Amino acid sequence: AQLVESGGGLVQAGGSLRLSCVYSERTFSRLTMAWFRQPPGKEREFVAAISWGIIRMYYGDSVEGRFFISRENALNTMNLQMTSLKPDDTAVYYCAADASRPPGNFANFAAAYEYWGQGTQVTVFS
């Protein structure tokens, strides 16, 4: 299985970006999906997750109210709409998939996710 992110780039503080992640297999609708990010010189951190079946969204404290996660099962795609971007949001953003979690559930730690994309760079300048 493969995950491919797109949509990263350079944006001014206060602006918006939309990241997308496409999964290569037809089982996407039964995956718990998540976004993580790794700022320069720091550890990977949880950004947001979206469950399957019973759809729930979860956010890290630093992005709550500014980032919005969604999924389009018919397109095998997960999105992350990022608004009111700050320089502290600068990081490599990774999408991740977990095939073993029950519906409506999520995890906010990286070890829970079996599949990872290659990452996409987001740079926010002031």
PDB file of N, CA and C in Angstrom:
ATOM      1  N   ALA A   1       0.846  -1.192   0.000  1.00  0.00           N
ATOM      2  CA  ALA A   1       0.000   0.000   0.000  1.00  0.00           C
ATOM      3  C   ALA A   1       0.881   1.242   0.000  1.00  0.00           C
ATOM      4  N   GLN A   2       0.405   2.277  -0.683  1.00  0.00           N
ATOM      5  CA  GLN A   2       1.145   3.534  -0.748  1.00  0.00           C
ATOM      6  C   GLN A   2       0.261   4.708  -0.368  1.00  0.00           C
ATOM      7  N   LEU A   3       0.884   5.685   0.269  1.00  0.00           N
ATOM      8  CA  LEU A   3       0.250   6.952   0.580  1.00  0.00           C
ATOM      9  C   LEU A   3       1.055   8.044  -0.089  1.00  0.00           C
ATOM     10  N   VAL A   4       0.381   8.931  -0.792  1.00  0.00           N
ATOM     11  CA  VAL A   4       1.075   9.999  -1.493  1.00  0.00           C
ATOM     12  C   VAL A   4       0.445  11.333  -1.120  1.00  0.00           C
ATOM     13  N   GLU A   5       1.260  12.198  -0.496  1.00  0.00           N
ATOM     14  CA  GLU A   5       0.792  13.520  -0.114  1.00  0.00           C
ATOM     15  C   GLU A   5       1.048  14.520  -1.228  1.00  0.00           C
ATOM     16  N   SER A   6       0.252  15.574  -1.223  1.00  0.00           N
ATOM     17  CA  SER A   6       0.464  16.698  -2.133  1.00  0.00           C
ATOM     18  C   SER A   6      -0.109  17.952  -1.499  1.00  0.00           C
ATOM     19  N   GLY A   7       0.268  19.103  -2.045  1.00  0.00           N
ATOM     20  CA  GLY A   7      -0.325  20.355  -1.609  1.00  0.00           C
ATOM     21  C   GLY A   7       0.539  21.227  -0.733  1.00  0.00           C
ATOM     22  N   GLY A   8       1.716  20.754  -0.364  1.00  0.00           N
ATOM     23  CA  GLY A   8       2.579  21.583   0.447  1.00  0.00           C
ATOM     24  C   GLY A   8       3.128  22.756  -0.347  1.00  0.00           C
ATOM     25  N   GLY A   9       3.798  23.670   0.364  1.00  0.00           N
ATOM     26  CA  GLY A   9       4.376  24.811  -0.315  1.00  0.00           C
ATOM     27  C   GLY A   9       4.754  25.911   0.639  1.00  0.00           C
ATOM     28  N   LEU A  10       4.953  27.082   0.071  1.00  0.00           N
ATOM     29  CA  LEU A  10       5.374  28.266   0.803  1.00  0.00           C
ATOM     30  C   LEU A  10       4.178  29.210   0.898  1.00  0.00           C
ATOM     31  N   VAL A  11       3.891  29.671   2.124  1.00  0.00           N
ATOM     32  CA  VAL A  11       2.739  30.543   2.315  1.00  0.00           C
ATOM     33  C   VAL A  11       3.044  31.571   3.381  1.00  0.00           C
ATOM     34  N   GLN A  12       2.453  32.725   3.244  1.00  0.00           N
ATOM     35  CA  GLN A  12       2.636  33.786   4.226  1.00  0.00           C
ATOM     36  C   GLN A  12       1.774  33.517   5.456  1.00  0.00           C
ATOM     37  N   ALA A  13       2.250  33.948   6.602  1.00  0.00           N
ATOM     38  CA  ALA A  13       1.483  33.792   7.837  1.00  0.00           C
ATOM     39  C   ALA A  13       0.087  34.390   7.663  1.00  0.00           C
ATOM     40  N   GLY A  14      -0.892  33.657   8.185  1.00  0.00           N
ATOM     41  CA  GLY A  14      -2.282  34.063   8.022  1.00  0.00           C
ATOM     42  C   GLY A  14      -2.966  33.446   6.825  1.00  0.00           C
ATOM     43  N   GLY A  15      -2.182  32.856   5.961  1.00  0.00           N
ATOM     44  CA  GLY A  15      -2.741  32.240   4.758  1.00  0.00           C
ATOM     45  C   GLY A  15      -3.229  30.828   4.991  1.00  0.00           C
ATOM     46  N   SER A  16      -3.594  30.188   3.892  1.00  0.00           N
ATOM     47  CA  SER A  16      -4.172  28.839   3.948  1.00  0.00           C
ATOM     48  C   SER A  16      -3.495  27.924   2.940  1.00  0.00           C
ATOM     49  N   LEU A  17      -3.513  26.641   3.260  1.00  0.00           N
ATOM     50  CA  LEU A  17      -3.062  25.605   2.347  1.00  0.00           C
ATOM     51  C   LEU A  17      -3.951  24.392   2.527  1.00  0.00           C
ATOM     52  N   ARG A  18      -4.047  23.597   1.488  1.00  0.00           N
ATOM     53  CA  ARG A  18      -4.809  22.355   1.566  1.00  0.00           C
ATOM     54  C   ARG A  18      -3.902  21.198   1.166  1.00  0.00           C
ATOM     55  N   LEU A  19      -3.720  20.280   2.078  1.00  0.00           N
ATOM     56  CA  LEU A  19      -2.949  19.078   1.800  1.00  0.00           C
ATOM     57  C   LEU A  19      -3.895  17.935   1.454  1.00  0.00           C
ATOM     58  N   SER A  20      -3.434  17.070   0.576  1.00  0.00           N
ATOM     59  CA  SER A  20      -4.192  15.874   0.230  1.00  0.00           C
ATOM     60  C   SER A  20      -3.302  14.655   0.350  1.00  0.00           C
ATOM     61  N   CYS A  21      -3.932  13.530   0.609  1.00  0.00           N
ATOM     62  CA  CYS A  21      -3.219  12.255   0.739  1.00  0.00           C
ATOM     63  C   CYS A  21      -4.065  11.198   0.040  1.00  0.00           C
ATOM     64  N   VAL A  22      -3.469  10.536  -0.921  1.00  0.00           N
ATOM     65  CA  VAL A  22      -4.184   9.505  -1.679  1.00  0.00           C
ATOM     66  C   VAL A  22      -3.624   8.137  -1.316  1.00  0.00           C
ATOM     67  N   TYR A  23      -4.522   7.202  -1.047  1.00  0.00           N
ATOM     68  CA  TYR A  23      -4.153   5.822  -0.693  1.00  0.00           C
ATOM     69  C   TYR A  23      -4.326   4.927  -1.901  1.00  0.00           C
ATOM     70  N   SER A  24      -3.400   3.987  -2.077  1.00  0.00           N
ATOM     71  CA  SER A  24      -3.373   3.212  -3.318  1.00  0.00           C
ATOM     72  C   SER A  24      -4.306   2.014  -3.356  1.00  0.00           C
ATOM     73  N   GLU A  25      -4.850   1.586  -2.188  1.00  0.00           N
ATOM     74  CA  GLU A  25      -5.663   0.378  -2.142  1.00  0.00           C
ATOM     75  C   GLU A  25      -7.143   0.714  -2.003  1.00  0.00           C
ATOM     76  N   ARG A  26      -8.002  -0.277  -2.305  1.00  0.00           N
ATOM     77  CA  ARG A  26      -9.442  -0.057  -2.261  1.00  0.00           C
ATOM     78  C   ARG A  26     -10.021  -0.140  -0.858  1.00  0.00           C
ATOM     79  N   THR A  27      -9.181  -0.442   0.136  1.00  0.00           N
ATOM     80  CA  THR A  27      -9.649  -0.582   1.514  1.00  0.00           C
ATOM     81  C   THR A  27      -9.632   0.734   2.277  1.00  0.00           C
ATOM     82  N   PHE A  28      -9.472   1.832   1.596  1.00  0.00           N
ATOM     83  CA  PHE A  28      -9.327   3.142   2.248  1.00  0.00           C
ATOM     84  C   PHE A  28     -10.464   3.429   3.218  1.00  0.00           C
ATOM     85  N   SER A  29     -11.678   3.053   2.867  1.00  0.00           N
ATOM     86  CA  SER A  29     -12.838   3.411   3.690  1.00  0.00           C
ATOM     87  C   SER A  29     -12.804   2.775   5.075  1.00  0.00           C
ATOM     88  N   ARG A  30     -11.944   1.791   5.277  1.00  0.00           N
ATOM     89  CA  ARG A  30     -11.848   1.101   6.567  1.00  0.00           C
ATOM     90  C   ARG A  30     -10.549   1.443   7.315  1.00  0.00           C
ATOM     91  N   LEU A  31      -9.928   2.522   6.924  1.00  0.00           N
ATOM     92  CA  LEU A  31      -8.680   2.952   7.562  1.00  0.00           C
ATOM     93  C   LEU A  31      -8.901   4.146   8.477  1.00  0.00           C
ATOM     94  N   THR A  32      -8.248   4.119   9.616  1.00  0.00           N
ATOM     95  CA  THR A  32      -8.101   5.332  10.412  1.00  0.00           C
ATOM     96  C   THR A  32      -6.966   6.118   9.798  1.00  0.00           C
ATOM     97  N   MET A  33      -7.212   7.387   9.535  1.00  0.00           N
ATOM     98  CA  MET A  33      -6.222   8.213   8.850  1.00  0.00           C
ATOM     99  C   MET A  33      -5.780   9.359   9.752  1.00  0.00           C
ATOM    100  N   ALA A  34      -4.564   9.808   9.530  1.00  0.00           N
ATOM    101  CA  ALA A  34      -4.052  10.882  10.379  1.00  0.00           C
ATOM    102  C   ALA A  34      -3.006  11.701   9.640  1.00  0.00           C
ATOM    103  N   TRP A  35      -2.800  12.884  10.161  1.00  0.00           N
ATOM    104  CA  TRP A  35      -1.692  13.749   9.748  1.00  0.00           C
ATOM    105  C   TRP A  35      -0.780  13.948  10.954  1.00  0.00           C
ATOM    106  N   PHE A  36       0.496  13.850  10.682  1.00  0.00           N
ATOM    107  CA  PHE A  36       1.536  14.198  11.644  1.00  0.00           C
ATOM    108  C   PHE A  36       2.436  15.220  10.968  1.00  0.00           C
ATOM    109  N   ARG A  37       3.242  15.886  11.766  1.00  0.00           N
ATOM    110  CA  ARG A  37       4.209  16.822  11.199  1.00  0.00           C
ATOM    111  C   ARG A  37       5.488  16.774  11.999  1.00  0.00           C
ATOM    112  N   GLN A  38       6.574  17.133  11.334  1.00  0.00           N
ATOM    113  CA  GLN A  38       7.869  17.181  11.989  1.00  0.00           C
ATOM    114  C   GLN A  38       8.528  18.517  11.685  1.00  0.00           C
ATOM    115  N   PRO A  39       8.500  19.422  12.671  1.00  0.00           N
ATOM    116  CA  PRO A  39       9.175  20.715  12.479  1.00  0.00           C
ATOM    117  C   PRO A  39      10.693  20.511  12.437  1.00  0.00           C
ATOM    118  N   PRO A  40      11.403  21.468  11.898  1.00  0.00           N
ATOM    119  CA  PRO A  40      12.868  21.343  11.820  1.00  0.00           C
ATOM    120  C   PRO A  40      13.481  21.142  13.199  1.00  0.00           C
ATOM    121  N   GLY A  41      14.287  20.103  13.361  1.00  0.00           N
ATOM    122  CA  GLY A  41      14.985  19.856  14.608  1.00  0.00           C
ATOM    123  C   GLY A  41      14.132  19.334  15.744  1.00  0.00           C
ATOM    124  N   LYS A  42      12.880  18.973  15.448  1.00  0.00           N
ATOM    125  CA  LYS A  42      11.977  18.507  16.499  1.00  0.00           C
ATOM    126  C   LYS A  42      11.431  17.122  16.153  1.00  0.00           C
ATOM    127  N   GLU A  43      10.760  16.539  17.133  1.00  0.00           N
ATOM    128  CA  GLU A  43      10.175  15.225  16.919  1.00  0.00           C
ATOM    129  C   GLU A  43       8.855  15.335  16.153  1.00  0.00           C
ATOM    130  N   ARG A  44       8.463  14.206  15.575  1.00  0.00           N
ATOM    131  CA  ARG A  44       7.199  14.153  14.869  1.00  0.00           C
ATOM    132  C   ARG A  44       6.050  14.324  15.863  1.00  0.00           C
ATOM    133  N   GLU A  45       5.044  15.099  15.486  1.00  0.00           N
ATOM    134  CA  GLU A  45       3.933  15.367  16.392  1.00  0.00           C
ATOM    135  C   GLU A  45       2.599  15.158  15.678  1.00  0.00           C
ATOM    136  N   PHE A  46       1.613  14.824  16.478  1.00  0.00           N
ATOM    137  CA  PHE A  46       0.263  14.576  15.977  1.00  0.00           C
ATOM    138  C   PHE A  46      -0.403  15.889  15.575  1.00  0.00           C
ATOM    139  N   VAL A  47      -1.078  15.863  14.439  1.00  0.00           N
ATOM    140  CA  VAL A  47      -1.798  17.035  13.966  1.00  0.00           C
ATOM    141  C   VAL A  47      -3.310  16.793  14.028  1.00  0.00           C
ATOM    142  N   ALA A  48      -3.758  15.739  13.344  1.00  0.00           N
ATOM    143  CA  ALA A  48      -5.195  15.467  13.273  1.00  0.00           C
ATOM    144  C   ALA A  48      -5.417  14.034  12.827  1.00  0.00           C
ATOM    145  N   ALA A  49      -6.582  13.508  13.171  1.00  0.00           N
ATOM    146  CA  ALA A  49      -6.952  12.164  12.749  1.00  0.00           C
ATOM    147  C   ALA A  49      -8.437  12.126  12.435  1.00  0.00           C
ATOM    148  N   ILE A  50      -8.797  11.171  11.593  1.00  0.00           N
ATOM    149  CA  ILE A  50     -10.198  10.965  11.257  1.00  0.00           C
ATOM    150  C   ILE A  50     -10.457   9.469  11.239  1.00  0.00           C
ATOM    151  N   SER A  51     -11.489   9.073  11.940  1.00  0.00           N
ATOM    152  CA  SER A  51     -11.790   7.655  12.063  1.00  0.00           C
ATOM    153  C   SER A  51     -12.567   7.162  10.844  1.00  0.00           C
ATOM    154  N   TRP A  52     -12.841   5.893  10.808  1.00  0.00           N
ATOM    155  CA  TRP A  52     -13.650   5.309   9.728  1.00  0.00           C
ATOM    156  C   TRP A  52     -14.924   4.733  10.317  1.00  0.00           C
ATOM    157  N   GLY A  53     -15.933   4.524   9.441  1.00  0.00           N
ATOM    158  CA  GLY A  53     -17.205   3.979   9.904  1.00  0.00           C
ATOM    159  C   GLY A  53     -18.001   5.040  10.640  1.00  0.00           C
ATOM    160  N   ILE A  54     -17.753   5.159  11.900  1.00  0.00           N
ATOM    161  CA  ILE A  54     -18.312   6.251  12.717  1.00  0.00           C
ATOM    162  C   ILE A  54     -17.308   7.390  12.600  1.00  0.00           C
ATOM    163  N   ILE A  55     -17.654   8.371  11.788  1.00  0.00           N
ATOM    164  CA  ILE A  55     -16.665   9.402  11.439  1.00  0.00           C
ATOM    165  C   ILE A  55     -16.539  10.414  12.571  1.00  0.00           C
ATOM    166  N   ARG A  56     -15.328  10.505  13.106  1.00  0.00           N
ATOM    167  CA  ARG A  56     -14.997  11.497  14.132  1.00  0.00           C
ATOM    168  C   ARG A  56     -13.669  12.124  13.743  1.00  0.00           C
ATOM    169  N   MET A  57     -13.501  13.380  14.081  1.00  0.00           N
ATOM    170  CA  MET A  57     -12.260  14.090  13.818  1.00  0.00           C
ATOM    171  C   MET A  57     -11.617  14.507  15.137  1.00  0.00           C
ATOM    172  N   TYR A  58     -10.307  14.466  15.158  1.00  0.00           N
ATOM    173  CA  TYR A  58      -9.557  14.791  16.362  1.00  0.00           C
ATOM    174  C   TYR A  58      -8.380  15.678  15.972  1.00  0.00           C
ATOM    175  N   TYR A  59      -8.050  16.605  16.845  1.00  0.00           N
ATOM    176  CA  TYR A  59      -7.010  17.565  16.522  1.00  0.00           C
ATOM    177  C   TYR A  59      -6.029  17.738  17.672  1.00  0.00           C
ATOM    178  N   GLY A  60      -4.796  18.030  17.288  1.00  0.00           N
ATOM    179  CA  GLY A  60      -3.822  18.424  18.287  1.00  0.00           C
ATOM    180  C   GLY A  60      -4.154  19.814  18.804  1.00  0.00           C
ATOM    181  N   ASP A  61      -3.730  20.102  20.010  1.00  0.00           N
ATOM    182  CA  ASP A  61      -4.076  21.377  20.645  1.00  0.00           C
ATOM    183  C   ASP A  61      -3.603  22.576  19.834  1.00  0.00           C
ATOM    184  N   SER A  62      -2.465  22.453  19.195  1.00  0.00           N
ATOM    185  CA  SER A  62      -1.876  23.612  18.512  1.00  0.00           C
ATOM    186  C   SER A  62      -2.590  23.956  17.209  1.00  0.00           C
ATOM    187  N   VAL A  63      -3.427  23.037  16.697  1.00  0.00           N
ATOM    188  CA  VAL A  63      -4.090  23.306  15.419  1.00  0.00           C
ATOM    189  C   VAL A  63      -5.601  23.358  15.550  1.00  0.00           C
ATOM    190  N   GLU A  64      -6.112  23.032  16.725  1.00  0.00           N
ATOM    191  CA  GLU A  64      -7.574  23.022  16.942  1.00  0.00           C
ATOM    192  C   GLU A  64      -8.173  24.374  16.537  1.00  0.00           C
ATOM    193  N   GLY A  65      -9.218  24.315  15.728  1.00  0.00           N
ATOM    194  CA  GLY A  65      -9.894  25.532  15.303  1.00  0.00           C
ATOM    195  C   GLY A  65      -9.288  26.190  14.077  1.00  0.00           C
ATOM    196  N   ARG A  66      -8.108  25.737  13.645  1.00  0.00           N
ATOM    197  CA  ARG A  66      -7.467  26.309  12.453  1.00  0.00           C
ATOM    198  C   ARG A  66      -7.333  25.297  11.328  1.00  0.00           C
ATOM    199  N   PHE A  67      -7.149  24.032  11.677  1.00  0.00           N
ATOM    200  CA  PHE A  67      -6.989  22.962  10.691  1.00  0.00           C
ATOM    201  C   PHE A  67      -8.245  22.097  10.692  1.00  0.00           C
ATOM    202  N   PHE A  68      -8.568  21.563   9.515  1.00  0.00           N
ATOM    203  CA  PHE A  68      -9.779  20.761   9.396  1.00  0.00           C
ATOM    204  C   PHE A  68      -9.480  19.540   8.530  1.00  0.00           C
ATOM    205  N   ILE A  69      -9.695  18.380   9.092  1.00  0.00           N
ATOM    206  CA  ILE A  69      -9.414  17.121   8.404  1.00  0.00           C
ATOM    207  C   ILE A  69     -10.702  16.569   7.814  1.00  0.00           C
ATOM    208  N   SER A  70     -10.586  15.946   6.649  1.00  0.00           N
ATOM    209  CA  SER A  70     -11.748  15.344   6.014  1.00  0.00           C
ATOM    210  C   SER A  70     -11.292  14.161   5.180  1.00  0.00           C
ATOM    211  N   ARG A  71     -12.250  13.365   4.751  1.00  0.00           N
ATOM    212  CA  ARG A  71     -11.930  12.230   3.906  1.00  0.00           C
ATOM    213  C   ARG A  71     -12.995  12.070   2.824  1.00  0.00           C
ATOM    214  N   GLU A  72     -12.564  11.581   1.689  1.00  0.00           N
ATOM    215  CA  GLU A  72     -13.465  11.287   0.574  1.00  0.00           C
ATOM    216  C   GLU A  72     -13.215   9.837   0.179  1.00  0.00           C
ATOM    217  N   ASN A  73     -14.003   8.943   0.723  1.00  0.00           N
ATOM    218  CA  ASN A  73     -13.757   7.520   0.527  1.00  0.00           C
ATOM    219  C   ASN A  73     -13.843   7.113  -0.944  1.00  0.00           C
ATOM    220  N   ALA A  74     -14.730   7.727  -1.692  1.00  0.00           N
ATOM    221  CA  ALA A  74     -14.879   7.368  -3.108  1.00  0.00           C
ATOM    222  C   ALA A  74     -13.615   7.680  -3.903  1.00  0.00           C
ATOM    223  N   LEU A  75     -12.802   8.605  -3.377  1.00  0.00           N
ATOM    224  CA  LEU A  75     -11.573   9.001  -4.065  1.00  0.00           C
ATOM    225  C   LEU A  75     -10.328   8.486  -3.363  1.00  0.00           C
ATOM    226  N   ASN A  76     -10.513   7.676  -2.312  1.00  0.00           N
ATOM    227  CA  ASN A  76      -9.370   7.182  -1.527  1.00  0.00           C
ATOM    228  C   ASN A  76      -8.483   8.326  -1.043  1.00  0.00           C
ATOM    229  N   THR A  77      -9.106   9.412  -0.633  1.00  0.00           N
ATOM    230  CA  THR A  77      -8.366  10.640  -0.341  1.00  0.00           C
ATOM    231  C   THR A  77      -8.715  11.198   1.032  1.00  0.00           C
ATOM    232  N   MET A  78      -7.681  11.686   1.707  1.00  0.00           N
ATOM    233  CA  MET A  78      -7.842  12.429   2.941  1.00  0.00           C
ATOM    234  C   MET A  78      -7.277  13.830   2.701  1.00  0.00           C
ATOM    235  N   ASN A  79      -7.926  14.829   3.284  1.00  0.00           N
ATOM    236  CA  ASN A  79      -7.484  16.210   3.112  1.00  0.00           C
ATOM    237  C   ASN A  79      -7.227  16.871   4.460  1.00  0.00           C
ATOM    238  N   LEU A  80      -6.403  17.888   4.430  1.00  0.00           N
ATOM    239  CA  LEU A  80      -6.177  18.725   5.597  1.00  0.00           C
ATOM    240  C   LEU A  80      -6.223  20.169   5.133  1.00  0.00           C
ATOM    241  N   GLN A  81      -7.294  20.856   5.502  1.00  0.00           N
ATOM    242  CA  GLN A  81      -7.420  22.277   5.198  1.00  0.00           C
ATOM    243  C   GLN A  81      -6.781  23.054   6.339  1.00  0.00           C
ATOM    244  N   MET A  82      -5.744  23.799   6.022  1.00  0.00           N
ATOM    245  CA  MET A  82      -5.005  24.543   7.040  1.00  0.00           C
ATOM    246  C   MET A  82      -5.264  26.030   6.840  1.00  0.00           C
ATOM    247  N   THR A  83      -5.772  26.683   7.863  1.00  0.00           N
ATOM    248  CA  THR A  83      -6.059  28.107   7.804  1.00  0.00           C
ATOM    249  C   THR A  83      -5.315  28.843   8.906  1.00  0.00           C
ATOM    250  N   SER A  84      -5.276  30.161   8.793  1.00  0.00           N
ATOM    251  CA  SER A  84      -4.599  31.001   9.793  1.00  0.00           C
ATOM    252  C   SER A  84      -3.218  30.443  10.127  1.00  0.00           C
ATOM    253  N   LEU A  85      -2.469  30.135   9.094  1.00  0.00           N
ATOM    254  CA  LEU A  85      -1.172  29.508   9.291  1.00  0.00           C
ATOM    255  C   LEU A  85      -0.201  30.430  10.010  1.00  0.00           C
ATOM    256  N   LYS A  86       0.662  29.814  10.824  1.00  0.00           N
ATOM    257  CA  LYS A  86       1.657  30.524  11.598  1.00  0.00           C
ATOM    258  C   LYS A  86       3.044  29.997  11.244  1.00  0.00           C
ATOM    259  N   PRO A  87       4.072  30.769  11.466  1.00  0.00           N
ATOM    260  CA  PRO A  87       5.430  30.248  11.220  1.00  0.00           C
ATOM    261  C   PRO A  87       5.711  28.945  11.990  1.00  0.00           C
ATOM    262  N   ASP A  88       5.103  28.797  13.161  1.00  0.00           N
ATOM    263  CA  ASP A  88       5.298  27.567  13.944  1.00  0.00           C
ATOM    264  C   ASP A  88       4.687  26.335  13.269  1.00  0.00           C
ATOM    265  N   ASP A  89       3.864  26.543  12.253  1.00  0.00           N
ATOM    266  CA  ASP A  89       3.301  25.409  11.508  1.00  0.00           C
ATOM    267  C   ASP A  89       4.280  24.865  10.466  1.00  0.00           C
ATOM    268  N   THR A  90       5.403  25.539  10.295  1.00  0.00           N
ATOM    269  CA  THR A  90       6.409  25.070   9.349  1.00  0.00           C
ATOM    270  C   THR A  90       6.909  23.685   9.740  1.00  0.00           C
ATOM    271  N   ALA A  91       6.808  22.733   8.814  1.00  0.00           N
ATOM    272  CA  ALA A  91       7.171  21.349   9.104  1.00  0.00           C
ATOM    273  C   ALA A  91       7.021  20.522   7.835  1.00  0.00           C
ATOM    274  N   VAL A  92       7.536  19.308   7.906  1.00  0.00           N
ATOM    275  CA  VAL A  92       7.184  18.306   6.911  1.00  0.00           C
ATOM    276  C   VAL A  92       5.927  17.602   7.419  1.00  0.00           C
ATOM    277  N   TYR A  93       4.920  17.562   6.607  1.00  0.00           N
ATOM    278  CA  TYR A  93       3.643  16.963   6.981  1.00  0.00           C
ATOM    279  C   TYR A  93       3.536  15.573   6.359  1.00  0.00           C
ATOM    280  N   TYR A  94       3.162  14.620   7.200  1.00  0.00           N
ATOM    281  CA  TYR A  94       3.042  13.230   6.774  1.00  0.00           C
ATOM    282  C   TYR A  94       1.614  12.734   6.963  1.00  0.00           C
ATOM    283  N   CYS A  95       1.113  12.000   6.006  1.00  0.00           N
ATOM    284  CA  CYS A  95      -0.141  11.306   6.248  1.00  0.00           C
ATOM    285  C   CYS A  95       0.160   9.867   6.647  1.00  0.00           C
ATOM    286  N   ALA A  96      -0.735   9.304   7.422  1.00  0.00           N
ATOM    287  CA  ALA A  96      -0.536   7.971   7.962  1.00  0.00           C
ATOM    288  C   ALA A  96      -1.852   7.221   7.994  1.00  0.00           C
ATOM    289  N   ALA A  97      -1.773   5.897   7.916  1.00  0.00           N
ATOM    290  CA  ALA A  97      -2.963   5.051   7.902  1.00  0.00           C
ATOM    291  C   ALA A  97      -2.805   3.900   8.875  1.00  0.00           C
ATOM    292  N   ASP A  98      -3.902   3.582   9.531  1.00  0.00           N
ATOM    293  CA  ASP A  98      -3.950   2.480  10.500  1.00  0.00           C
ATOM    294  C   ASP A  98      -5.095   1.557  10.092  1.00  0.00           C
ATOM    295  N   ALA A  99      -4.767   0.308   9.779  1.00  0.00           N
ATOM    296  CA  ALA A  99      -5.775  -0.647   9.312  1.00  0.00           C
ATOM    297  C   ALA A  99      -6.346  -1.511  10.424  1.00  0.00           C
ATOM    298  N   SER A 100      -5.882  -1.320  11.664  1.00  0.00           N
ATOM    299  CA  SER A 100      -6.268  -2.252  12.721  1.00  0.00           C
ATOM    300  C   SER A 100      -7.164  -1.650  13.789  1.00  0.00           C
ATOM    301  N   ARG A 101      -7.557  -0.403  13.614  1.00  0.00           N
ATOM    302  CA  ARG A 101      -8.328   0.272  14.659  1.00  0.00           C
ATOM    303  C   ARG A 101      -9.832   0.094  14.407  1.00  0.00           C
ATOM    304  N   PRO A 102     -10.634  -0.044  15.449  1.00  0.00           N
ATOM    305  CA  PRO A 102     -12.084  -0.192  15.243  1.00  0.00           C
ATOM    306  C   PRO A 102     -12.720   1.099  14.763  1.00  0.00           C
ATOM    307  N   PRO A 103     -13.932   1.010  14.226  1.00  0.00           N
ATOM    308  CA  PRO A 103     -14.614   2.225  13.738  1.00  0.00           C
ATOM    309  C   PRO A 103     -14.817   3.236  14.850  1.00  0.00           C
ATOM    310  N   GLY A 104     -14.690   4.509  14.483  1.00  0.00           N
ATOM    311  CA  GLY A 104     -14.906   5.583  15.439  1.00  0.00           C
ATOM    312  C   GLY A 104     -13.747   5.849  16.360  1.00  0.00           C
ATOM    313  N   ASN A 105     -12.663   5.105  16.190  1.00  0.00           N
ATOM    314  CA  ASN A 105     -11.526   5.211  17.095  1.00  0.00           C
ATOM    315  C   ASN A 105     -10.368   5.920  16.396  1.00  0.00           C
ATOM    316  N   PHE A 106      -9.387   6.346  17.166  1.00  0.00           N
ATOM    317  CA  PHE A 106      -8.213   6.981  16.581  1.00  0.00           C
ATOM    318  C   PHE A 106      -7.052   6.816  17.543  1.00  0.00           C
ATOM    319  N   ALA A 107      -5.865   7.142  17.048  1.00  0.00           N
ATOM    320  CA  ALA A 107      -4.677   7.180  17.895  1.00  0.00           C
ATOM    321  C   ALA A 107      -3.908   8.444  17.574  1.00  0.00           C
ATOM    322  N   ASN A 108      -3.293   9.026  18.602  1.00  0.00           N
ATOM    323  CA  ASN A 108      -2.523  10.259  18.376  1.00  0.00           C
ATOM    324  C   ASN A 108      -1.025  10.040  18.542  1.00  0.00           C
ATOM    325  N   PHE A 109      -0.574   8.799  18.394  1.00  0.00           N
ATOM    326  CA  PHE A 109       0.845   8.533  18.449  1.00  0.00           C
ATOM    327  C   PHE A 109       1.267   7.781  17.192  1.00  0.00           C
ATOM    328  N   ALA A 110       2.464   8.097  16.732  1.00  0.00           N
ATOM    329  CA  ALA A 110       2.914   7.619  15.427  1.00  0.00           C
ATOM    330  C   ALA A 110       3.019   6.105  15.338  1.00  0.00           C
ATOM    331  N   ALA A 111       3.383   5.454  16.424  1.00  0.00           N
ATOM    332  CA  ALA A 111       3.607   4.007  16.382  1.00  0.00           C
ATOM    333  C   ALA A 111       2.340   3.226  16.048  1.00  0.00           C
ATOM    334  N   ALA A 112       1.188   3.846  16.180  1.00  0.00           N
ATOM    335  CA  ALA A 112      -0.083   3.157  15.902  1.00  0.00           C
ATOM    336  C   ALA A 112      -0.344   2.993  14.415  1.00  0.00           C
ATOM    337  N   TYR A 113       0.360   3.720  13.581  1.00  0.00           N
ATOM    338  CA  TYR A 113       0.071   3.779  12.154  1.00  0.00           C
ATOM    339  C   TYR A 113       1.063   2.958  11.359  1.00  0.00           C
ATOM    340  N   GLU A 114       0.519   2.063  10.516  1.00  0.00           N
ATOM    341  CA  GLU A 114       1.380   1.144   9.764  1.00  0.00           C
ATOM    342  C   GLU A 114       1.910   1.739   8.468  1.00  0.00           C
ATOM    343  N   TYR A 115       1.146   2.613   7.847  1.00  0.00           N
ATOM    344  CA  TYR A 115       1.513   3.118   6.528  1.00  0.00           C
ATOM    345  C   TYR A 115       1.750   4.613   6.594  1.00  0.00           C
ATOM    346  N   TRP A 116       2.784   5.042   5.878  1.00  0.00           N
ATOM    347  CA  TRP A 116       3.181   6.451   5.903  1.00  0.00           C
ATOM    348  C   TRP A 116       3.481   6.944   4.497  1.00  0.00           C
ATOM    349  N   GLY A 117       3.142   8.213   4.275  1.00  0.00           N
ATOM    350  CA  GLY A 117       3.559   8.856   3.053  1.00  0.00           C
ATOM    351  C   GLY A 117       4.980   9.359   3.151  1.00  0.00           C
ATOM    352  N   GLN A 118       5.445   9.946   2.076  1.00  0.00           N
ATOM    353  CA  GLN A 118       6.831  10.416   2.023  1.00  0.00           C
ATOM    354  C   GLN A 118       7.001  11.799   2.632  1.00  0.00           C
ATOM    355  N   GLY A 119       5.904  12.487   2.861  1.00  0.00           N
ATOM    356  CA  GLY A 119       5.947  13.811   3.462  1.00  0.00           C
ATOM    357  C   GLY A 119       5.895  14.925   2.428  1.00  0.00           C
ATOM    358  N   THR A 120       5.332  16.039   2.852  1.00  0.00           N
ATOM    359  CA  THR A 120       5.289  17.232   2.003  1.00  0.00           C
ATOM    360  C   THR A 120       5.645  18.440   2.861  1.00  0.00           C
ATOM    361  N   GLN A 121       6.485  19.298   2.342  1.00  0.00           N
ATOM    362  CA  GLN A 121       6.997  20.442   3.101  1.00  0.00           C
ATOM    363  C   GLN A 121       5.992  21.592   3.086  1.00  0.00           C
ATOM    364  N   VAL A 122       5.746  22.120   4.276  1.00  0.00           N
ATOM    365  CA  VAL A 122       4.951  23.346   4.424  1.00  0.00           C
ATOM    366  C   VAL A 122       5.836  24.366   5.118  1.00  0.00           C
ATOM    367  N   THR A 123       5.991  25.514   4.500  1.00  0.00           N
ATOM    368  CA  THR A 123       6.807  26.589   5.061  1.00  0.00           C
ATOM    369  C   THR A 123       5.954  27.841   5.159  1.00  0.00           C
ATOM    370  N   VAL A 124       5.866  28.368   6.372  1.00  0.00           N
ATOM    371  CA  VAL A 124       5.073  29.573   6.624  1.00  0.00           C
ATOM    372  C   VAL A 124       6.033  30.687   7.012  1.00  0.00           C
ATOM    373  N   PHE A 125       6.009  31.776   6.272  1.00  0.00           N
ATOM    374  CA  PHE A 125       6.912  32.895   6.551  1.00  0.00           C
ATOM    375  C   PHE A 125       6.107  34.092   7.039  1.00  0.00           C
ATOM    376  N   SER A 126       6.757  34.885   7.889  1.00  0.00           N
ATOM    377  CA  SER A 126       6.070  36.048   8.464  1.00  0.00           C
ATOM    378  C   SER A 126       6.381  37.306   7.681  1.00  0.00           C
TER     379      SER A 126
END
